[in-house]
Amino acid sequence: MKEGNKIVGSNPSRGRVVNDYYATHQDSTKSLLSVEEVTFPALEPCCGEGHISKLLGGDVTNNDLIYRGYGTGGVDFLDWKPDREYKTVITNPPFSLFTEFMVKSLDIATEKVFLFGKLQALEGKKRASIMEKTPLKYIYVFKSRQQPLRNGSDIDELTGKKMASSTMAFAWFVWYKNNTKEPIVRWL
């Protein structure tokens, strides 16, 4: 493996997971819920197997592009038109579509948006110029590395053992629709 790939946390010998299914570990969601309140009704547009939604305990609409036994499958969030109002959107979007999910979530949510993503979502001229114009309130950076669940599992399909910690830095990005101040960085 090339040294650069190790640094950014990728392993080309393993390849990407089909449809970028890297679920959010429950500990990552519990950390967010220890400092933030989800207001209902809420929308989870990338629900996977319900890793986030099962911890919310409220009125949550669960959709995903791919049906994985939870929620409603076959729903492309970026083309989807809601038939009701949602106070909160909470999800772990595909990183390659982070900006698009941010914009669409901010269009749908009336109060809050919570996106789990790589800390590097703050980088990039295009994304930064868009993000600077949003009501981003908090960036909750994890003190310890988080391990997204490859194909929804924390077990390595090659070794049968628990996955090692990721080398990537993750954060919860939190928008309050009424926020007019600069974002605040906090640690979980």
N, C-alpha and C. Protein backbone atom coordinates (compact mmCIF):
# COMPACT_ATOMS: atom_id res chain seq x y z
N MET A 1 0.84 -1.17 0.00
CA MET A 1 0.00 0.00 0.00
C MET A 1 0.88 1.23 0.00
N LYS A 2 0.49 2.21 -0.78
CA LYS A 2 1.24 3.46 -0.81
C LYS A 2 1.07 4.19 0.51
N GLU A 3 2.15 4.85 0.93
CA GLU A 3 2.14 5.55 2.22
C GLU A 3 1.05 6.63 2.27
N GLY A 4 0.85 7.35 1.19
CA GLY A 4 -0.18 8.39 1.15
C GLY A 4 -1.57 7.84 1.42
N ASN A 5 -1.87 6.64 0.91
CA ASN A 5 -3.17 6.03 1.15
C ASN A 5 -3.38 5.72 2.62
N LYS A 6 -2.33 5.28 3.31
CA LYS A 6 -2.42 5.02 4.74
C LYS A 6 -2.74 6.29 5.50
N ILE A 7 -2.09 7.38 5.12
CA ILE A 7 -2.28 8.65 5.82
C ILE A 7 -3.73 9.11 5.74
N VAL A 8 -4.36 8.98 4.60
CA VAL A 8 -5.74 9.44 4.46
C VAL A 8 -6.76 8.37 4.86
N GLY A 9 -6.27 7.22 5.28
CA GLY A 9 -7.17 6.21 5.81
C GLY A 9 -7.77 5.27 4.79
N SER A 10 -7.24 5.23 3.58
CA SER A 10 -7.80 4.32 2.60
C SER A 10 -6.89 3.12 2.41
N ASN A 11 -7.47 2.08 1.87
CA ASN A 11 -6.74 0.86 1.61
C ASN A 11 -7.17 0.37 0.23
N PRO A 12 -6.41 0.68 -0.81
CA PRO A 12 -6.84 0.32 -2.16
C PRO A 12 -6.97 -1.17 -2.39
N SER A 13 -6.32 -2.00 -1.59
CA SER A 13 -6.45 -3.44 -1.75
C SER A 13 -7.84 -3.91 -1.33
N ARG A 14 -8.51 -3.18 -0.48
CA ARG A 14 -9.85 -3.53 -0.02
C ARG A 14 -10.91 -2.94 -0.92
N GLY A 15 -10.64 -1.78 -1.48
CA GLY A 15 -11.62 -1.10 -2.31
C GLY A 15 -12.71 -0.43 -1.49
N ARG A 16 -13.53 0.34 -2.17
CA ARG A 16 -14.65 1.03 -1.53
C ARG A 16 -15.79 0.06 -1.32
N VAL A 17 -16.57 0.33 -0.32
CA VAL A 17 -17.77 -0.45 -0.07
C VAL A 17 -18.80 -0.07 -1.13
N VAL A 18 -19.55 -1.04 -1.62
CA VAL A 18 -20.58 -0.77 -2.62
C VAL A 18 -21.56 0.26 -2.07
N ASN A 19 -21.88 1.24 -2.87
CA ASN A 19 -22.79 2.33 -2.52
C ASN A 19 -22.33 3.13 -1.30
N ASP A 20 -21.03 3.08 -1.00
CA ASP A 20 -20.46 3.85 0.12
C ASP A 20 -21.21 3.65 1.42
N TYR A 21 -21.53 2.40 1.74
CA TYR A 21 -22.27 2.12 2.98
C TYR A 21 -21.30 2.00 4.16
N TYR A 22 -21.07 3.15 4.78
CA TYR A 22 -20.25 3.25 5.98
C TYR A 22 -21.15 3.81 7.07
N ALA A 23 -21.78 2.93 7.82
CA ALA A 23 -22.77 3.34 8.82
C ALA A 23 -22.11 4.02 10.01
N THR A 24 -22.91 4.79 10.73
CA THR A 24 -22.44 5.53 11.90
C THR A 24 -22.48 4.62 13.13
N HIS A 25 -21.35 4.50 13.80
CA HIS A 25 -21.29 3.70 15.03
C HIS A 25 -22.20 4.34 16.08
N GLN A 26 -22.88 3.52 16.87
CA GLN A 26 -23.81 4.05 17.86
C GLN A 26 -23.11 4.97 18.87
N ASP A 27 -21.85 4.71 19.18
CA ASP A 27 -21.14 5.58 20.12
C ASP A 27 -20.96 6.99 19.55
N SER A 28 -20.79 7.11 18.24
CA SER A 28 -20.68 8.42 17.60
C SER A 28 -21.98 9.19 17.74
N THR A 29 -23.10 8.49 17.55
CA THR A 29 -24.41 9.14 17.68
C THR A 29 -24.72 9.46 19.13
N LYS A 30 -24.40 8.54 20.04
CA LYS A 30 -24.64 8.79 21.47
C LYS A 30 -23.86 10.01 21.95
N SER A 31 -22.65 10.20 21.43
CA SER A 31 -21.86 11.38 21.80
C SER A 31 -22.57 12.66 21.40
N LEU A 32 -23.13 12.68 20.18
CA LEU A 32 -23.88 13.85 19.74
C LEU A 32 -25.10 14.07 20.62
N LEU A 33 -25.84 13.01 20.88
CA LEU A 33 -27.08 13.13 21.66
C LEU A 33 -26.83 13.52 23.11
N SER A 34 -25.60 13.40 23.57
CA SER A 34 -25.29 13.82 24.94
C SER A 34 -25.16 15.35 25.05
N VAL A 35 -25.05 16.02 23.89
CA VAL A 35 -24.89 17.48 23.91
C VAL A 35 -25.92 18.22 23.06
N GLU A 36 -26.67 17.50 22.24
CA GLU A 36 -27.65 18.12 21.36
C GLU A 36 -28.99 17.40 21.46
N GLU A 37 -30.05 18.14 21.23
CA GLU A 37 -31.40 17.58 21.23
C GLU A 37 -31.94 17.56 19.81
N VAL A 38 -32.43 16.42 19.40
CA VAL A 38 -33.09 16.29 18.11
C VAL A 38 -34.55 16.67 18.31
N THR A 39 -35.04 17.59 17.49
CA THR A 39 -36.45 17.97 17.55
C THR A 39 -37.21 17.19 16.49
N PHE A 40 -38.44 16.85 16.80
CA PHE A 40 -39.24 15.98 15.93
C PHE A 40 -40.41 16.76 15.35
N PRO A 41 -40.88 16.33 14.17
CA PRO A 41 -40.46 15.16 13.42
C PRO A 41 -39.09 15.37 12.77
N ALA A 42 -38.39 14.25 12.62
CA ALA A 42 -37.05 14.26 12.05
C ALA A 42 -37.00 13.38 10.81
N LEU A 43 -36.00 13.63 9.99
CA LEU A 43 -35.77 12.85 8.77
C LEU A 43 -34.36 12.29 8.79
N GLU A 44 -34.24 10.99 8.52
CA GLU A 44 -32.93 10.34 8.34
C GLU A 44 -32.90 9.84 6.91
N PRO A 45 -32.31 10.58 5.97
CA PRO A 45 -32.37 10.22 4.55
C PRO A 45 -31.39 9.15 4.09
N CYS A 46 -30.46 8.73 4.96
CA CYS A 46 -29.50 7.66 4.65
C CYS A 46 -29.54 6.65 5.80
N CYS A 47 -30.72 6.12 6.07
CA CYS A 47 -30.93 5.35 7.31
C CYS A 47 -30.21 4.01 7.37
N GLY A 48 -29.80 3.46 6.24
CA GLY A 48 -29.12 2.16 6.28
C GLY A 48 -29.94 1.15 7.05
N GLU A 49 -29.35 0.60 8.11
CA GLU A 49 -30.03 -0.38 8.95
C GLU A 49 -30.57 0.27 10.24
N GLY A 50 -30.62 1.59 10.26
CA GLY A 50 -31.18 2.30 11.41
C GLY A 50 -30.19 2.61 12.51
N HIS A 51 -28.91 2.62 12.19
CA HIS A 51 -27.88 2.84 13.21
C HIS A 51 -28.08 4.15 13.98
N ILE A 52 -28.47 5.22 13.31
CA ILE A 52 -28.74 6.49 13.97
C ILE A 52 -30.17 6.52 14.51
N SER A 53 -31.12 6.19 13.67
CA SER A 53 -32.55 6.34 13.99
C SER A 53 -32.98 5.56 15.23
N LYS A 54 -32.44 4.39 15.40
CA LYS A 54 -32.84 3.57 16.55
C LYS A 54 -32.50 4.21 17.88
N LEU A 55 -31.59 5.18 17.87
CA LEU A 55 -31.20 5.86 19.11
C LEU A 55 -31.99 7.14 19.36
N LEU A 56 -32.79 7.58 18.41
CA LEU A 56 -33.44 8.87 18.51
C LEU A 56 -34.71 8.87 19.36
N GLY A 57 -35.48 7.80 19.32
CA GLY A 57 -36.66 7.68 20.16
C GLY A 57 -37.75 8.71 19.90
N GLY A 58 -38.05 8.98 18.66
CA GLY A 58 -39.11 9.94 18.34
C GLY A 58 -39.66 9.68 16.96
N ASP A 59 -40.40 10.64 16.45
CA ASP A 59 -41.02 10.55 15.14
C ASP A 59 -39.96 10.80 14.06
N VAL A 60 -39.46 9.70 13.47
CA VAL A 60 -38.39 9.79 12.47
C VAL A 60 -38.84 9.10 11.19
N THR A 61 -38.72 9.80 10.08
CA THR A 61 -38.93 9.21 8.76
C THR A 61 -37.58 8.69 8.30
N ASN A 62 -37.54 7.41 7.92
CA ASN A 62 -36.29 6.74 7.53
C ASN A 62 -36.33 6.35 6.08
N ASN A 63 -35.44 6.94 5.30
CA ASN A 63 -35.32 6.64 3.87
C ASN A 63 -33.88 6.28 3.54
N ASP A 64 -33.69 5.62 2.42
CA ASP A 64 -32.35 5.35 1.92
C ASP A 64 -32.46 5.01 0.44
N LEU A 65 -31.40 5.26 -0.27
CA LEU A 65 -31.36 4.90 -1.69
C LEU A 65 -31.43 3.39 -1.85
N ILE A 66 -30.74 2.67 -0.96
CA ILE A 66 -30.70 1.21 -0.99
C ILE A 66 -31.46 0.67 0.22
N TYR A 67 -32.35 -0.27 0.01
CA TYR A 67 -33.08 -0.86 1.13
C TYR A 67 -32.20 -1.89 1.83
N ARG A 68 -32.01 -1.71 3.13
CA ARG A 68 -31.18 -2.60 3.94
C ARG A 68 -31.97 -3.20 5.10
N GLY A 69 -33.28 -3.32 4.92
CA GLY A 69 -34.10 -3.93 5.96
C GLY A 69 -34.65 -2.94 6.98
N TYR A 70 -34.47 -1.65 6.73
CA TYR A 70 -34.95 -0.64 7.66
C TYR A 70 -35.42 0.57 6.86
N GLY A 71 -36.53 1.14 7.26
CA GLY A 71 -37.04 2.32 6.57
C GLY A 71 -37.54 2.02 5.17
N THR A 72 -37.55 3.04 4.35
CA THR A 72 -38.03 2.92 2.98
C THR A 72 -36.86 3.05 2.02
N GLY A 73 -36.67 2.04 1.19
CA GLY A 73 -35.59 2.05 0.21
C GLY A 73 -36.03 2.65 -1.12
N GLY A 74 -35.06 2.89 -1.98
CA GLY A 74 -35.35 3.41 -3.31
C GLY A 74 -35.62 4.90 -3.33
N VAL A 75 -35.23 5.60 -2.26
CA VAL A 75 -35.49 7.04 -2.17
C VAL A 75 -34.17 7.80 -2.35
N ASP A 76 -34.07 8.52 -3.45
CA ASP A 76 -32.90 9.35 -3.72
C ASP A 76 -33.13 10.71 -3.09
N PHE A 77 -32.50 10.94 -1.96
CA PHE A 77 -32.71 12.16 -1.18
C PHE A 77 -32.55 13.43 -2.01
N LEU A 78 -31.58 13.44 -2.89
CA LEU A 78 -31.30 14.67 -3.64
C LEU A 78 -32.40 15.01 -4.64
N ASP A 79 -33.23 14.02 -5.00
CA ASP A 79 -34.38 14.26 -5.89
C ASP A 79 -35.71 14.21 -5.15
N TRP A 80 -35.69 13.88 -3.88
CA TRP A 80 -36.89 13.64 -3.08
C TRP A 80 -37.59 14.93 -2.70
N LYS A 81 -38.92 14.89 -2.71
CA LYS A 81 -39.73 16.03 -2.29
C LYS A 81 -40.53 15.61 -1.06
N PRO A 82 -40.27 16.25 0.08
CA PRO A 82 -40.99 15.86 1.30
C PRO A 82 -42.48 16.20 1.21
N ASP A 83 -43.28 15.35 1.86
CA ASP A 83 -44.72 15.58 1.87
C ASP A 83 -45.20 16.10 3.23
N ARG A 84 -44.22 16.45 4.09
CA ARG A 84 -44.54 17.03 5.38
C ARG A 84 -43.35 17.88 5.84
N GLU A 85 -43.52 18.59 6.91
CA GLU A 85 -42.46 19.43 7.45
C GLU A 85 -41.59 18.61 8.42
N TYR A 86 -40.29 18.84 8.37
CA TYR A 86 -39.34 18.19 9.28
C TYR A 86 -38.58 19.25 10.04
N LYS A 87 -38.57 19.15 11.36
CA LYS A 87 -37.80 20.09 12.17
C LYS A 87 -36.32 19.79 12.08
N THR A 88 -35.97 18.51 11.99
CA THR A 88 -34.57 18.09 11.99
C THR A 88 -34.28 17.15 10.84
N VAL A 89 -33.10 17.31 10.25
CA VAL A 89 -32.53 16.30 9.36
C VAL A 89 -31.25 15.83 10.03
N ILE A 90 -31.09 14.53 10.19
CA ILE A 90 -29.90 13.95 10.80
C ILE A 90 -29.46 12.77 9.96
N THR A 91 -28.17 12.76 9.58
CA THR A 91 -27.70 11.66 8.73
C THR A 91 -26.17 11.62 8.63
N ASN A 92 -25.70 10.54 8.06
CA ASN A 92 -24.30 10.34 7.69
C ASN A 92 -24.32 10.17 6.17
N PRO A 93 -24.16 11.26 5.43
CA PRO A 93 -24.26 11.17 3.97
C PRO A 93 -23.00 10.59 3.34
N PRO A 94 -23.11 10.12 2.10
CA PRO A 94 -21.88 9.74 1.39
C PRO A 94 -20.97 10.96 1.32
N PHE A 95 -19.70 10.78 1.66
CA PHE A 95 -18.82 11.94 1.72
C PHE A 95 -18.71 12.65 0.38
N SER A 96 -18.75 11.90 -0.69
CA SER A 96 -18.63 12.52 -2.01
C SER A 96 -19.81 13.45 -2.31
N LEU A 97 -20.89 13.33 -1.54
CA LEU A 97 -22.08 14.16 -1.74
C LEU A 97 -22.38 15.04 -0.52
N PHE A 98 -21.37 15.25 0.33
CA PHE A 98 -21.57 15.99 1.57
C PHE A 98 -22.18 17.37 1.31
N THR A 99 -21.64 18.10 0.36
CA THR A 99 -22.14 19.45 0.07
C THR A 99 -23.58 19.41 -0.40
N GLU A 100 -23.89 18.51 -1.30
CA GLU A 100 -25.25 18.40 -1.83
C GLU A 100 -26.24 18.04 -0.72
N PHE A 101 -25.83 17.12 0.17
CA PHE A 101 -26.71 16.74 1.29
C PHE A 101 -26.88 17.90 2.26
N MET A 102 -25.82 18.67 2.48
CA MET A 102 -25.90 19.82 3.36
C MET A 102 -26.92 20.82 2.83
N VAL A 103 -26.80 21.17 1.56
CA VAL A 103 -27.70 22.15 0.95
C VAL A 103 -29.14 21.66 0.99
N LYS A 104 -29.38 20.42 0.60
CA LYS A 104 -30.74 19.88 0.57
C LYS A 104 -31.31 19.78 1.99
N SER A 105 -30.49 19.35 2.95
CA SER A 105 -30.95 19.23 4.34
C SER A 105 -31.34 20.59 4.90
N LEU A 106 -30.54 21.61 4.60
CA LEU A 106 -30.86 22.95 5.07
C LEU A 106 -32.12 23.50 4.41
N ASP A 107 -32.42 23.04 3.22
CA ASP A 107 -33.64 23.45 2.54
C ASP A 107 -34.86 22.79 3.18
N ILE A 108 -34.71 21.56 3.67
CA ILE A 108 -35.83 20.80 4.22
C ILE A 108 -36.08 21.09 5.70
N ALA A 109 -35.04 21.08 6.52
CA ALA A 109 -35.20 21.21 7.97
C ALA A 109 -35.67 22.62 8.34
N THR A 110 -36.57 22.69 9.31
CA THR A 110 -37.03 24.00 9.77
C THR A 110 -36.25 24.48 11.00
N GLU A 111 -35.55 23.56 11.69
CA GLU A 111 -34.82 23.95 12.90
C GLU A 111 -33.35 23.57 12.91
N LYS A 112 -33.04 22.29 12.67
CA LYS A 112 -31.67 21.81 12.85
C LYS A 112 -31.28 20.80 11.78
N VAL A 113 -29.97 20.78 11.50
CA VAL A 113 -29.39 19.76 10.62
C VAL A 113 -28.15 19.21 11.32
N PHE A 114 -28.04 17.89 11.36
CA PHE A 114 -26.88 17.20 11.92
C PHE A 114 -26.30 16.29 10.84
N LEU A 115 -25.06 16.56 10.42
CA LEU A 115 -24.39 15.69 9.45
C LEU A 115 -23.12 15.15 10.06
N PHE A 116 -22.97 13.82 10.01
CA PHE A 116 -21.74 13.16 10.44
C PHE A 116 -20.84 13.10 9.22
N GLY A 117 -19.60 13.52 9.37
CA GLY A 117 -18.72 13.48 8.22
C GLY A 117 -17.26 13.65 8.58
N LYS A 118 -16.44 13.48 7.59
CA LYS A 118 -15.00 13.68 7.78
C LYS A 118 -14.74 15.14 8.10
N LEU A 119 -13.79 15.37 8.97
CA LEU A 119 -13.42 16.74 9.33
C LEU A 119 -12.95 17.51 8.09
N GLN A 120 -12.42 16.81 7.12
CA GLN A 120 -11.95 17.47 5.91
C GLN A 120 -13.09 18.08 5.09
N ALA A 121 -14.33 17.92 5.53
CA ALA A 121 -15.45 18.59 4.86
C ALA A 121 -15.30 20.11 4.96
N LEU A 122 -14.48 20.56 5.90
CA LEU A 122 -14.23 22.00 6.04
C LEU A 122 -13.30 22.53 4.95
N GLU A 123 -12.60 21.63 4.27
CA GLU A 123 -11.63 22.03 3.25
C GLU A 123 -12.30 22.18 1.88
N GLY A 124 -11.60 22.86 1.02
CA GLY A 124 -12.04 22.99 -0.36
C GLY A 124 -12.70 24.34 -0.60
N LYS A 125 -12.26 25.03 -1.61
CA LYS A 125 -12.77 26.38 -1.90
C LYS A 125 -14.27 26.39 -2.18
N LYS A 126 -14.71 25.45 -3.00
CA LYS A 126 -16.13 25.43 -3.37
C LYS A 126 -17.01 25.14 -2.16
N ARG A 127 -16.69 24.06 -1.43
CA ARG A 127 -17.51 23.69 -0.28
C ARG A 127 -17.44 24.78 0.79
N ALA A 128 -16.24 25.32 1.05
CA ALA A 128 -16.08 26.36 2.07
C ALA A 128 -16.89 27.60 1.72
N SER A 129 -16.90 27.98 0.45
CA SER A 129 -17.65 29.18 0.07
C SER A 129 -19.15 28.96 0.26
N ILE A 130 -19.62 27.75 0.06
CA ILE A 130 -21.03 27.44 0.31
C ILE A 130 -21.29 27.37 1.82
N MET A 131 -20.43 26.67 2.54
CA MET A 131 -20.61 26.47 3.97
C MET A 131 -20.57 27.79 4.74
N GLU A 132 -19.73 28.72 4.30
CA GLU A 132 -19.62 30.02 4.97
C GLU A 132 -20.94 30.80 4.97
N LYS A 133 -21.80 30.50 4.02
CA LYS A 133 -23.07 31.22 3.90
C LYS A 133 -24.21 30.50 4.62
N THR A 134 -23.92 29.42 5.32
CA THR A 134 -24.94 28.65 6.03
C THR A 134 -24.95 29.01 7.51
N PRO A 135 -26.02 28.64 8.21
CA PRO A 135 -26.08 28.90 9.65
C PRO A 135 -25.40 27.82 10.49
N LEU A 136 -24.20 27.41 10.08
CA LEU A 136 -23.44 26.39 10.82
C LEU A 136 -23.21 26.90 12.24
N LYS A 137 -23.64 26.12 13.23
CA LYS A 137 -23.56 26.55 14.63
C LYS A 137 -22.38 25.89 15.35
N TYR A 138 -22.28 24.56 15.21
CA TYR A 138 -21.24 23.82 15.92
C TYR A 138 -20.54 22.83 14.99
N ILE A 139 -19.28 22.61 15.26
CA ILE A 139 -18.53 21.51 14.68
C ILE A 139 -18.03 20.72 15.89
N TYR A 140 -18.61 19.55 16.09
CA TYR A 140 -18.22 18.70 17.21
C TYR A 140 -17.17 17.71 16.73
N VAL A 141 -15.93 17.98 17.08
CA VAL A 141 -14.81 17.14 16.68
C VAL A 141 -14.60 16.06 17.73
N PHE A 142 -14.43 14.84 17.29
CA PHE A 142 -14.20 13.74 18.22
C PHE A 142 -12.77 13.76 18.73
N LYS A 143 -12.61 13.60 20.05
CA LYS A 143 -11.28 13.54 20.66
C LYS A 143 -10.58 12.25 20.27
N SER A 144 -11.35 11.20 20.10
CA SER A 144 -10.76 9.92 19.67
C SER A 144 -11.30 9.57 18.29
N ARG A 145 -10.55 8.76 17.58
CA ARG A 145 -10.94 8.39 16.22
C ARG A 145 -12.21 7.54 16.24
N GLN A 146 -13.09 7.82 15.31
CA GLN A 146 -14.34 7.07 15.17
C GLN A 146 -14.17 6.04 14.06
N GLN A 147 -14.88 4.95 14.19
CA GLN A 147 -14.79 3.89 13.19
C GLN A 147 -16.14 3.71 12.52
N PRO A 148 -16.34 4.31 11.33
CA PRO A 148 -17.58 4.03 10.61
C PRO A 148 -17.67 2.53 10.33
N LEU A 149 -18.89 2.03 10.29
CA LEU A 149 -19.12 0.60 10.14
C LEU A 149 -19.17 0.21 8.67
N ARG A 150 -18.14 -0.46 8.22
CA ARG A 150 -18.02 -0.90 6.83
C ARG A 150 -19.13 -1.91 6.53
N ASN A 151 -19.98 -1.59 5.56
CA ASN A 151 -21.14 -2.42 5.25
C ASN A 151 -22.04 -2.61 6.47
N GLY A 152 -22.04 -1.61 7.37
CA GLY A 152 -22.92 -1.65 8.54
C GLY A 152 -22.43 -2.49 9.70
N SER A 153 -21.19 -2.99 9.63
CA SER A 153 -20.68 -3.88 10.66
C SER A 153 -19.33 -3.41 11.18
N ASP A 154 -19.07 -3.68 12.45
CA ASP A 154 -17.75 -3.35 13.00
C ASP A 154 -16.80 -4.55 12.94
N ILE A 155 -17.23 -5.61 12.25
CA ILE A 155 -16.40 -6.80 12.06
C ILE A 155 -15.78 -6.75 10.66
N ASP A 156 -14.48 -6.91 10.59
CA ASP A 156 -13.76 -6.91 9.33
C ASP A 156 -14.11 -8.19 8.56
N GLU A 157 -14.68 -8.02 7.37
CA GLU A 157 -15.12 -9.19 6.59
C GLU A 157 -13.96 -10.07 6.12
N LEU A 158 -12.75 -9.52 6.09
CA LEU A 158 -11.59 -10.30 5.67
C LEU A 158 -10.98 -11.11 6.81
N THR A 159 -10.96 -10.51 8.01
CA THR A 159 -10.30 -11.18 9.13
C THR A 159 -11.27 -11.79 10.14
N GLY A 160 -12.52 -11.32 10.12
CA GLY A 160 -13.50 -11.79 11.11
C GLY A 160 -13.31 -11.15 12.47
N LYS A 161 -12.41 -10.18 12.56
CA LYS A 161 -12.13 -9.51 13.84
C LYS A 161 -12.74 -8.11 13.84
N LYS A 162 -12.86 -7.55 15.03
CA LYS A 162 -13.37 -6.19 15.17
C LYS A 162 -12.45 -5.23 14.41
N MET A 163 -13.08 -4.27 13.71
CA MET A 163 -12.33 -3.30 12.91
C MET A 163 -11.45 -2.44 13.80
N ALA A 164 -10.27 -2.11 13.31
CA ALA A 164 -9.36 -1.21 14.01
C ALA A 164 -9.87 0.22 13.85
N SER A 165 -9.41 1.11 14.69
CA SER A 165 -9.81 2.52 14.61
C SER A 165 -9.39 3.11 13.28
N SER A 166 -10.20 4.00 12.80
CA SER A 166 -9.92 4.69 11.54
C SER A 166 -8.78 5.68 11.73
N THR A 167 -8.09 5.98 10.66
CA THR A 167 -7.06 7.02 10.70
C THR A 167 -7.63 8.37 10.30
N MET A 168 -8.93 8.40 9.96
CA MET A 168 -9.57 9.65 9.54
C MET A 168 -10.21 10.35 10.74
N ALA A 169 -10.22 11.67 10.70
CA ALA A 169 -10.88 12.46 11.74
C ALA A 169 -12.32 12.75 11.31
N PHE A 170 -13.25 12.55 12.24
CA PHE A 170 -14.67 12.77 11.97
C PHE A 170 -15.23 13.81 12.92
N ALA A 171 -16.37 14.37 12.52
CA ALA A 171 -17.05 15.37 13.34
C ALA A 171 -18.55 15.31 13.04
N TRP A 172 -19.31 15.85 13.96
CA TRP A 172 -20.71 16.15 13.69
C TRP A 172 -20.77 17.63 13.34
N PHE A 173 -21.37 17.94 12.21
CA PHE A 173 -21.59 19.31 11.77
C PHE A 173 -23.04 19.64 12.09
N VAL A 174 -23.25 20.72 12.82
CA VAL A 174 -24.59 21.05 13.33
C VAL A 174 -24.99 22.45 12.90
N TRP A 175 -26.12 22.54 12.25
CA TRP A 175 -26.68 23.81 11.83
C TRP A 175 -27.95 24.09 12.62
N TYR A 176 -28.08 25.30 13.12
CA TYR A 176 -29.33 25.80 13.68
C TYR A 176 -29.83 26.82 12.67
N LYS A 177 -31.01 26.63 12.18
CA LYS A 177 -31.51 27.49 11.11
C LYS A 177 -31.55 28.97 11.50
N ASN A 178 -31.67 29.27 12.79
CA ASN A 178 -31.74 30.67 13.22
C ASN A 178 -30.37 31.24 13.63
N ASN A 179 -29.30 30.49 13.43
CA ASN A 179 -27.97 30.95 13.84
C ASN A 179 -27.45 32.03 12.88
N THR A 180 -26.96 33.11 13.47
CA THR A 180 -26.37 34.19 12.66
C THR A 180 -24.92 34.46 13.05
N LYS A 181 -24.41 33.68 13.99
CA LYS A 181 -23.04 33.90 14.49
C LYS A 181 -22.07 32.92 13.83
N GLU A 182 -20.78 33.18 14.04
CA GLU A 182 -19.73 32.30 13.53
C GLU A 182 -19.85 30.92 14.19
N PRO A 183 -19.47 29.85 13.47
CA PRO A 183 -19.52 28.52 14.06
C PRO A 183 -18.55 28.37 15.24
N ILE A 184 -18.90 27.48 16.14
CA ILE A 184 -18.12 27.18 17.33
C ILE A 184 -17.60 25.74 17.22
N VAL A 185 -16.32 25.56 17.52
CA VAL A 185 -15.75 24.21 17.53
C VAL A 185 -15.79 23.71 18.97
N ARG A 186 -16.32 22.49 19.13
CA ARG A 186 -16.36 21.82 20.43
C ARG A 186 -15.86 20.40 20.24
N TRP A 187 -15.50 19.77 21.34
CA TRP A 187 -14.98 18.41 21.27
C TRP A 187 -15.89 17.44 22.01
N LEU A 188 -15.99 16.26 21.45
CA LEU A 188 -16.76 15.16 22.06
C LEU A 188 -15.80 14.10 22.56
